[in-house]
Amino acid sequence: MYKGVALECGYKLDILVEDKIILELKAVESILKVHEAQLLTYLRLTRKRVGFILNFHVSQMSKGILRKVL
């Protein structure tokens, strides 16, 4: 639901932690703006404030984490 309208577009976030944090899982060469836009869309639609993109296609996991806060 978004602003009282049921969306039939099939958005599906990967993981929701403690009904507070959205985790979007990726395995890509690099995180692109479209991935960030996807996370921001999920944050806005769910009215959550914090989300992370976790990219598993990196040599060190610390290099594959992107945090977004609304």
PDB file of N, CA and C in Angstrom:
ATOM      1  N   MET A   1       0.842  -1.178   0.000  1.00  0.00           N
ATOM      2  CA  MET A   1       0.000   0.000   0.000  1.00  0.00           C
ATOM      3  C   MET A   1       0.886   1.239   0.000  1.00  0.00           C
ATOM      4  N   TYR A   2       0.499   2.213  -0.796  1.00  0.00           N
ATOM      5  CA  TYR A   2       1.188   3.494  -0.814  1.00  0.00           C
ATOM      6  C   TYR A   2       0.142   4.588  -0.928  1.00  0.00           C
ATOM      7  N   LYS A   3       0.073   5.430   0.108  1.00  0.00           N
ATOM      8  CA  LYS A   3      -0.910   6.513   0.173  1.00  0.00           C
ATOM      9  C   LYS A   3      -2.330   6.013  -0.099  1.00  0.00           C
ATOM     10  N   GLY A   4      -2.660   4.862   0.491  1.00  0.00           N
ATOM     11  CA  GLY A   4      -3.988   4.311   0.370  1.00  0.00           C
ATOM     12  C   GLY A   4      -4.266   3.553  -0.919  1.00  0.00           C
ATOM     13  N   VAL A   5      -3.266   3.405  -1.774  1.00  0.00           N
ATOM     14  CA  VAL A   5      -3.456   2.712  -3.053  1.00  0.00           C
ATOM     15  C   VAL A   5      -2.683   1.395  -3.025  1.00  0.00           C
ATOM     16  N   ALA A   6      -3.359   0.308  -3.370  1.00  0.00           N
ATOM     17  CA  ALA A   6      -2.698  -0.985  -3.452  1.00  0.00           C
ATOM     18  C   ALA A   6      -1.909  -1.059  -4.747  1.00  0.00           C
ATOM     19  N   LEU A   7      -0.605  -1.276  -4.631  1.00  0.00           N
ATOM     20  CA  LEU A   7       0.259  -1.365  -5.810  1.00  0.00           C
ATOM     21  C   LEU A   7       0.359  -2.815  -6.262  1.00  0.00           C
ATOM     22  N   GLU A   8       0.152  -3.039  -7.520  1.00  0.00           N
ATOM     23  CA  GLU A   8       0.202  -4.386  -8.083  1.00  0.00           C
ATOM     24  C   GLU A   8       1.472  -4.598  -8.895  1.00  0.00           C
ATOM     25  N   CYS A   9       2.520  -3.864  -8.597  1.00  0.00           N
ATOM     26  CA  CYS A   9       3.704  -3.881  -9.442  1.00  0.00           C
ATOM     27  C   CYS A   9       4.753  -4.902  -9.010  1.00  0.00           C
ATOM     28  N   GLY A  10       4.566  -5.586  -7.920  1.00  0.00           N
ATOM     29  CA  GLY A  10       5.458  -6.673  -7.545  1.00  0.00           C
ATOM     30  C   GLY A  10       6.760  -6.261  -6.890  1.00  0.00           C
ATOM     31  N   TYR A  11       6.808  -5.137  -6.199  1.00  0.00           N
ATOM     32  CA  TYR A  11       8.004  -4.789  -5.438  1.00  0.00           C
ATOM     33  C   TYR A  11       8.177  -5.782  -4.308  1.00  0.00           C
ATOM     34  N   LYS A  12       9.411  -6.235  -4.120  1.00  0.00           N
ATOM     35  CA  LYS A  12       9.657  -7.209  -3.065  1.00  0.00           C
ATOM     36  C   LYS A  12      11.059  -6.990  -2.512  1.00  0.00           C
ATOM     37  N   LEU A  13      11.133  -6.505  -1.279  1.00  0.00           N
ATOM     38  CA  LEU A  13      12.444  -6.294  -0.690  1.00  0.00           C
ATOM     39  C   LEU A  13      13.028  -7.627  -0.239  1.00  0.00           C
ATOM     40  N   ASP A  14      14.352  -7.666  -0.085  1.00  0.00           N
ATOM     41  CA  ASP A  14      15.013  -8.932   0.224  1.00  0.00           C
ATOM     42  C   ASP A  14      14.835  -9.338   1.686  1.00  0.00           C
ATOM     43  N   ILE A  15      15.240  -8.467   2.603  1.00  0.00           N
ATOM     44  CA  ILE A  15      15.160  -8.804   4.033  1.00  0.00           C
ATOM     45  C   ILE A  15      14.740  -7.573   4.818  1.00  0.00           C
ATOM     46  N   LEU A  16      13.833  -7.774   5.756  1.00  0.00           N
ATOM     47  CA  LEU A  16      13.430  -6.728   6.688  1.00  0.00           C
ATOM     48  C   LEU A  16      13.821  -7.192   8.091  1.00  0.00           C
ATOM     49  N   VAL A  17      14.686  -6.427   8.762  1.00  0.00           N
ATOM     50  CA  VAL A  17      15.215  -6.806  10.069  1.00  0.00           C
ATOM     51  C   VAL A  17      14.472  -6.038  11.159  1.00  0.00           C
ATOM     52  N   GLU A  18      13.871  -6.781  12.103  1.00  0.00           N
ATOM     53  CA  GLU A  18      13.190  -6.191  13.257  1.00  0.00           C
ATOM     54  C   GLU A  18      12.157  -5.136  12.860  1.00  0.00           C
ATOM     55  N   ASP A  19      11.579  -5.266  11.674  1.00  0.00           N
ATOM     56  CA  ASP A  19      10.590  -4.318  11.156  1.00  0.00           C
ATOM     57  C   ASP A  19      11.125  -2.884  11.130  1.00  0.00           C
ATOM     58  N   LYS A  20      12.472  -2.740  10.997  1.00  0.00           N
ATOM     59  CA  LYS A  20      13.093  -1.419  11.022  1.00  0.00           C
ATOM     60  C   LYS A  20      14.098  -1.199   9.897  1.00  0.00           C
ATOM     61  N   ILE A  21      14.870  -2.212   9.548  1.00  0.00           N
ATOM     62  CA  ILE A  21      15.997  -2.043   8.627  1.00  0.00           C
ATOM     63  C   ILE A  21      15.793  -2.917   7.397  1.00  0.00           C
ATOM     64  N   ILE A  22      15.942  -2.303   6.220  1.00  0.00           N
ATOM     65  CA  ILE A  22      15.828  -3.029   4.964  1.00  0.00           C
ATOM     66  C   ILE A  22      17.219  -3.423   4.491  1.00  0.00           C
ATOM     67  N   LEU A  23      17.386  -4.689   4.136  1.00  0.00           N
ATOM     68  CA  LEU A  23      18.621  -5.177   3.548  1.00  0.00           C
ATOM     69  C   LEU A  23      18.338  -5.578   2.107  1.00  0.00           C
ATOM     70  N   GLU A  24      19.067  -4.990   1.192  1.00  0.00           N
ATOM     71  CA  GLU A  24      18.957  -5.336  -0.225  1.00  0.00           C
ATOM     72  C   GLU A  24      20.244  -6.064  -0.599  1.00  0.00           C
ATOM     73  N   LEU A  25      20.126  -7.315  -1.018  1.00  0.00           N
ATOM     74  CA  LEU A  25      21.273  -8.161  -1.299  1.00  0.00           C
ATOM     75  C   LEU A  25      21.610  -8.140  -2.778  1.00  0.00           C
ATOM     76  N   LYS A  26      22.897  -7.985  -3.065  1.00  0.00           N
ATOM     77  CA  LYS A  26      23.375  -7.938  -4.449  1.00  0.00           C
ATOM     78  C   LYS A  26      24.641  -8.776  -4.578  1.00  0.00           C
ATOM     79  N   ALA A  27      24.947  -9.171  -5.799  1.00  0.00           N
ATOM     80  CA  ALA A  27      26.217  -9.807  -6.155  1.00  0.00           C
ATOM     81  C   ALA A  27      26.599  -9.237  -7.516  1.00  0.00           C
ATOM     82  N   VAL A  28      27.064  -7.982  -7.517  1.00  0.00           N
ATOM     83  CA  VAL A  28      27.353  -7.249  -8.748  1.00  0.00           C
ATOM     84  C   VAL A  28      28.766  -6.671  -8.677  1.00  0.00           C
ATOM     85  N   GLU A  29      29.316  -6.319  -9.848  1.00  0.00           N
ATOM     86  CA  GLU A  29      30.658  -5.730  -9.911  1.00  0.00           C
ATOM     87  C   GLU A  29      30.754  -4.473  -9.058  1.00  0.00           C
ATOM     88  N   SER A  30      29.754  -3.613  -9.144  1.00  0.00           N
ATOM     89  CA  SER A  30      29.719  -2.411  -8.321  1.00  0.00           C
ATOM     90  C   SER A  30      28.270  -2.001  -8.111  1.00  0.00           C
ATOM     91  N   ILE A  31      28.033  -1.302  -7.028  1.00  0.00           N
ATOM     92  CA  ILE A  31      26.695  -0.808  -6.726  1.00  0.00           C
ATOM     93  C   ILE A  31      26.438   0.402  -7.613  1.00  0.00           C
ATOM     94  N   LEU A  32      25.356   0.347  -8.372  1.00  0.00           N
ATOM     95  CA  LEU A  32      25.007   1.414  -9.304  1.00  0.00           C
ATOM     96  C   LEU A  32      23.931   2.314  -8.709  1.00  0.00           C
ATOM     97  N   LYS A  33      23.728   3.450  -9.352  1.00  0.00           N
ATOM     98  CA  LYS A  33      22.682   4.392  -8.911  1.00  0.00           C
ATOM     99  C   LYS A  33      21.301   3.743  -8.938  1.00  0.00           C
ATOM    100  N   VAL A  34      21.076   2.832  -9.888  1.00  0.00           N
ATOM    101  CA  VAL A  34      19.774   2.152  -9.960  1.00  0.00           C
ATOM    102  C   VAL A  34      19.548   1.279  -8.724  1.00  0.00           C
ATOM    103  N   HIS A  35      20.612   0.701  -8.166  1.00  0.00           N
ATOM    104  CA  HIS A  35      20.486  -0.094  -6.946  1.00  0.00           C
ATOM    105  C   HIS A  35      20.142   0.808  -5.761  1.00  0.00           C
ATOM    106  N   GLU A  36      20.788   1.973  -5.718  1.00  0.00           N
ATOM    107  CA  GLU A  36      20.486   2.932  -4.660  1.00  0.00           C
ATOM    108  C   GLU A  36      19.045   3.426  -4.776  1.00  0.00           C
ATOM    109  N   ALA A  37      18.602   3.680  -5.995  1.00  0.00           N
ATOM    110  CA  ALA A  37      17.227   4.135  -6.222  1.00  0.00           C
ATOM    111  C   ALA A  37      16.226   3.069  -5.786  1.00  0.00           C
ATOM    112  N   GLN A  38      16.554   1.808  -6.041  1.00  0.00           N
ATOM    113  CA  GLN A  38      15.684   0.706  -5.623  1.00  0.00           C
ATOM    114  C   GLN A  38      15.536   0.699  -4.105  1.00  0.00           C
ATOM    115  N   LEU A  39      16.655   0.823  -3.393  1.00  0.00           N
ATOM    116  CA  LEU A  39      16.604   0.845  -1.928  1.00  0.00           C
ATOM    117  C   LEU A  39      15.810   2.045  -1.432  1.00  0.00           C
ATOM    118  N   LEU A  40      16.041   3.212  -2.008  1.00  0.00           N
ATOM    119  CA  LEU A  40      15.305   4.408  -1.592  1.00  0.00           C
ATOM    120  C   LEU A  40      13.802   4.257  -1.840  1.00  0.00           C
ATOM    121  N   THR A  41      13.439   3.612  -2.934  1.00  0.00           N
ATOM    122  CA  THR A  41      12.024   3.343  -3.208  1.00  0.00           C
ATOM    123  C   THR A  41      11.424   2.460  -2.131  1.00  0.00           C
ATOM    124  N   TYR A  42      12.131   1.397  -1.761  1.00  0.00           N
ATOM    125  CA  TYR A  42      11.643   0.514  -0.700  1.00  0.00           C
ATOM    126  C   TYR A  42      11.503   1.277   0.618  1.00  0.00           C
ATOM    127  N   LEU A  43      12.466   2.133   0.926  1.00  0.00           N
ATOM    128  CA  LEU A  43      12.395   2.912   2.170  1.00  0.00           C
ATOM    129  C   LEU A  43      11.170   3.819   2.168  1.00  0.00           C
ATOM    130  N   ARG A  44      10.930   4.484   1.053  1.00  0.00           N
ATOM    131  CA  ARG A  44       9.781   5.396   0.982  1.00  0.00           C
ATOM    132  C   ARG A  44       8.454   4.639   1.036  1.00  0.00           C
ATOM    133  N   LEU A  45       8.360   3.540   0.301  1.00  0.00           N
ATOM    134  CA  LEU A  45       7.106   2.784   0.264  1.00  0.00           C
ATOM    135  C   LEU A  45       6.761   2.151   1.608  1.00  0.00           C
ATOM    136  N   THR A  46       7.781   1.723   2.339  1.00  0.00           N
ATOM    137  CA  THR A  46       7.542   1.060   3.623  1.00  0.00           C
ATOM    138  C   THR A  46       7.605   2.016   4.807  1.00  0.00           C
ATOM    139  N   ARG A  47       8.004   3.272   4.523  1.00  0.00           N
ATOM    140  CA  ARG A  47       8.167   4.284   5.568  1.00  0.00           C
ATOM    141  C   ARG A  47       9.195   3.886   6.623  1.00  0.00           C
ATOM    142  N   LYS A  48      10.198   3.153   6.183  1.00  0.00           N
ATOM    143  CA  LYS A  48      11.331   2.816   7.051  1.00  0.00           C
ATOM    144  C   LYS A  48      12.390   3.892   6.863  1.00  0.00           C
ATOM    145  N   ARG A  49      13.302   4.034   7.823  1.00  0.00           N
ATOM    146  CA  ARG A  49      14.301   5.097   7.753  1.00  0.00           C
ATOM    147  C   ARG A  49      15.676   4.611   7.335  1.00  0.00           C
ATOM    148  N   VAL A  50      16.009   3.335   7.617  1.00  0.00           N
ATOM    149  CA  VAL A  50      17.374   2.860   7.397  1.00  0.00           C
ATOM    150  C   VAL A  50      17.376   1.644   6.484  1.00  0.00           C
ATOM    151  N   GLY A  51      18.321   1.662   5.543  1.00  0.00           N
ATOM    152  CA  GLY A  51      18.479   0.527   4.649  1.00  0.00           C
ATOM    153  C   GLY A  51      19.934   0.343   4.256  1.00  0.00           C
ATOM    154  N   PHE A  52      20.286  -0.890   3.928  1.00  0.00           N
ATOM    155  CA  PHE A  52      21.642  -1.219   3.506  1.00  0.00           C
ATOM    156  C   PHE A  52      21.589  -2.008   2.202  1.00  0.00           C
ATOM    157  N   ILE A  53      22.543  -1.728   1.335  1.00  0.00           N
ATOM    158  CA  ILE A  53      22.791  -2.598   0.189  1.00  0.00           C
ATOM    159  C   ILE A  53      24.028  -3.407   0.556  1.00  0.00           C
ATOM    160  N   LEU A  54      23.916  -4.718   0.478  1.00  0.00           N
ATOM    161  CA  LEU A  54      25.042  -5.605   0.764  1.00  0.00           C
ATOM    162  C   LEU A  54      25.456  -6.276  -0.540  1.00  0.00           C
ATOM    163  N   ASN A  55      26.636  -5.929  -1.029  1.00  0.00           N
ATOM    164  CA  ASN A  55      27.140  -6.491  -2.274  1.00  0.00           C
ATOM    165  C   ASN A  55      28.144  -7.601  -1.942  1.00  0.00           C
ATOM    166  N   PHE A  56      27.835  -8.820  -2.326  1.00  0.00           N
ATOM    167  CA  PHE A  56      28.668  -9.966  -2.000  1.00  0.00           C
ATOM    168  C   PHE A  56      29.734 -10.249  -3.050  1.00  0.00           C
ATOM    169  N   HIS A  57      29.824  -9.427  -4.083  1.00  0.00           N
ATOM    170  CA  HIS A  57      30.804  -9.632  -5.143  1.00  0.00           C
ATOM    171  C   HIS A  57      32.025  -8.724  -4.915  1.00  0.00           C
ATOM    172  N   VAL A  58      32.565  -8.782  -3.699  1.00  0.00           N
ATOM    173  CA  VAL A  58      33.722  -7.974  -3.327  1.00  0.00           C
ATOM    174  C   VAL A  58      34.719  -8.847  -2.568  1.00  0.00           C
ATOM    175  N   SER A  59      35.973  -8.395  -2.531  1.00  0.00           N
ATOM    176  CA  SER A  59      37.000  -9.176  -1.829  1.00  0.00           C
ATOM    177  C   SER A  59      36.880  -9.041  -0.310  1.00  0.00           C
ATOM    178  N   GLN A  60      36.456  -7.865   0.167  1.00  0.00           N
ATOM    179  CA  GLN A  60      36.217  -7.634   1.587  1.00  0.00           C
ATOM    180  C   GLN A  60      34.799  -7.101   1.757  1.00  0.00           C
ATOM    181  N   MET A  61      34.050  -7.715   2.629  1.00  0.00           N
ATOM    182  CA  MET A  61      32.650  -7.341   2.788  1.00  0.00           C
ATOM    183  C   MET A  61      32.493  -5.879   3.185  1.00  0.00           C
ATOM    184  N   SER A  62      33.438  -5.326   3.920  1.00  0.00           N
ATOM    185  CA  SER A  62      33.327  -3.925   4.335  1.00  0.00           C
ATOM    186  C   SER A  62      33.294  -2.977   3.135  1.00  0.00           C
ATOM    187  N   LYS A  63      33.825  -3.400   2.001  1.00  0.00           N
ATOM    188  CA  LYS A  63      33.806  -2.586   0.781  1.00  0.00           C
ATOM    189  C   LYS A  63      32.490  -2.732   0.020  1.00  0.00           C
ATOM    190  N   GLY A  64      31.663  -3.665   0.414  1.00  0.00           N
ATOM    191  CA  GLY A  64      30.419  -3.926  -0.296  1.00  0.00           C
ATOM    192  C   GLY A  64      29.170  -3.494   0.441  1.00  0.00           C
ATOM    193  N   ILE A  65      29.319  -2.596   1.401  1.00  0.00           N
ATOM    194  CA  ILE A  65      28.171  -2.157   2.208  1.00  0.00           C
ATOM    195  C   ILE A  65      27.889  -0.688   1.936  1.00  0.00           C
ATOM    196  N   LEU A  66      26.647  -0.402   1.625  1.00  0.00           N
ATOM    197  CA  LEU A  66      26.199   0.983   1.431  1.00  0.00           C
ATOM    198  C   LEU A  66      24.996   1.211   2.328  1.00  0.00           C
ATOM    199  N   ARG A  67      25.041   2.268   3.134  1.00  0.00           N
ATOM    200  CA  ARG A  67      23.960   2.600   4.069  1.00  0.00           C
ATOM    201  C   ARG A  67      23.223   3.840   3.571  1.00  0.00           C
ATOM    202  N   LYS A  68      21.903   3.787   3.636  1.00  0.00           N
ATOM    203  CA  LYS A  68      21.063   4.931   3.282  1.00  0.00           C
ATOM    204  C   LYS A  68      20.103   5.200   4.433  1.00  0.00           C
ATOM    205  N   VAL A  69      19.918   6.490   4.741  1.00  0.00           N
ATOM    206  CA  VAL A  69      19.002   6.896   5.803  1.00  0.00           C
ATOM    207  C   VAL A  69      18.102   7.985   5.254  1.00  0.00           C
ATOM    208  N   LEU A  70      16.800   7.861   5.485  1.00  0.00           N
ATOM    209  CA  LEU A  70      15.856   8.910   5.095  1.00  0.00           C
ATOM    210  C   LEU A  70      15.571   9.816   6.266  1.00  0.00           C
TER     211      LEU A  70
END
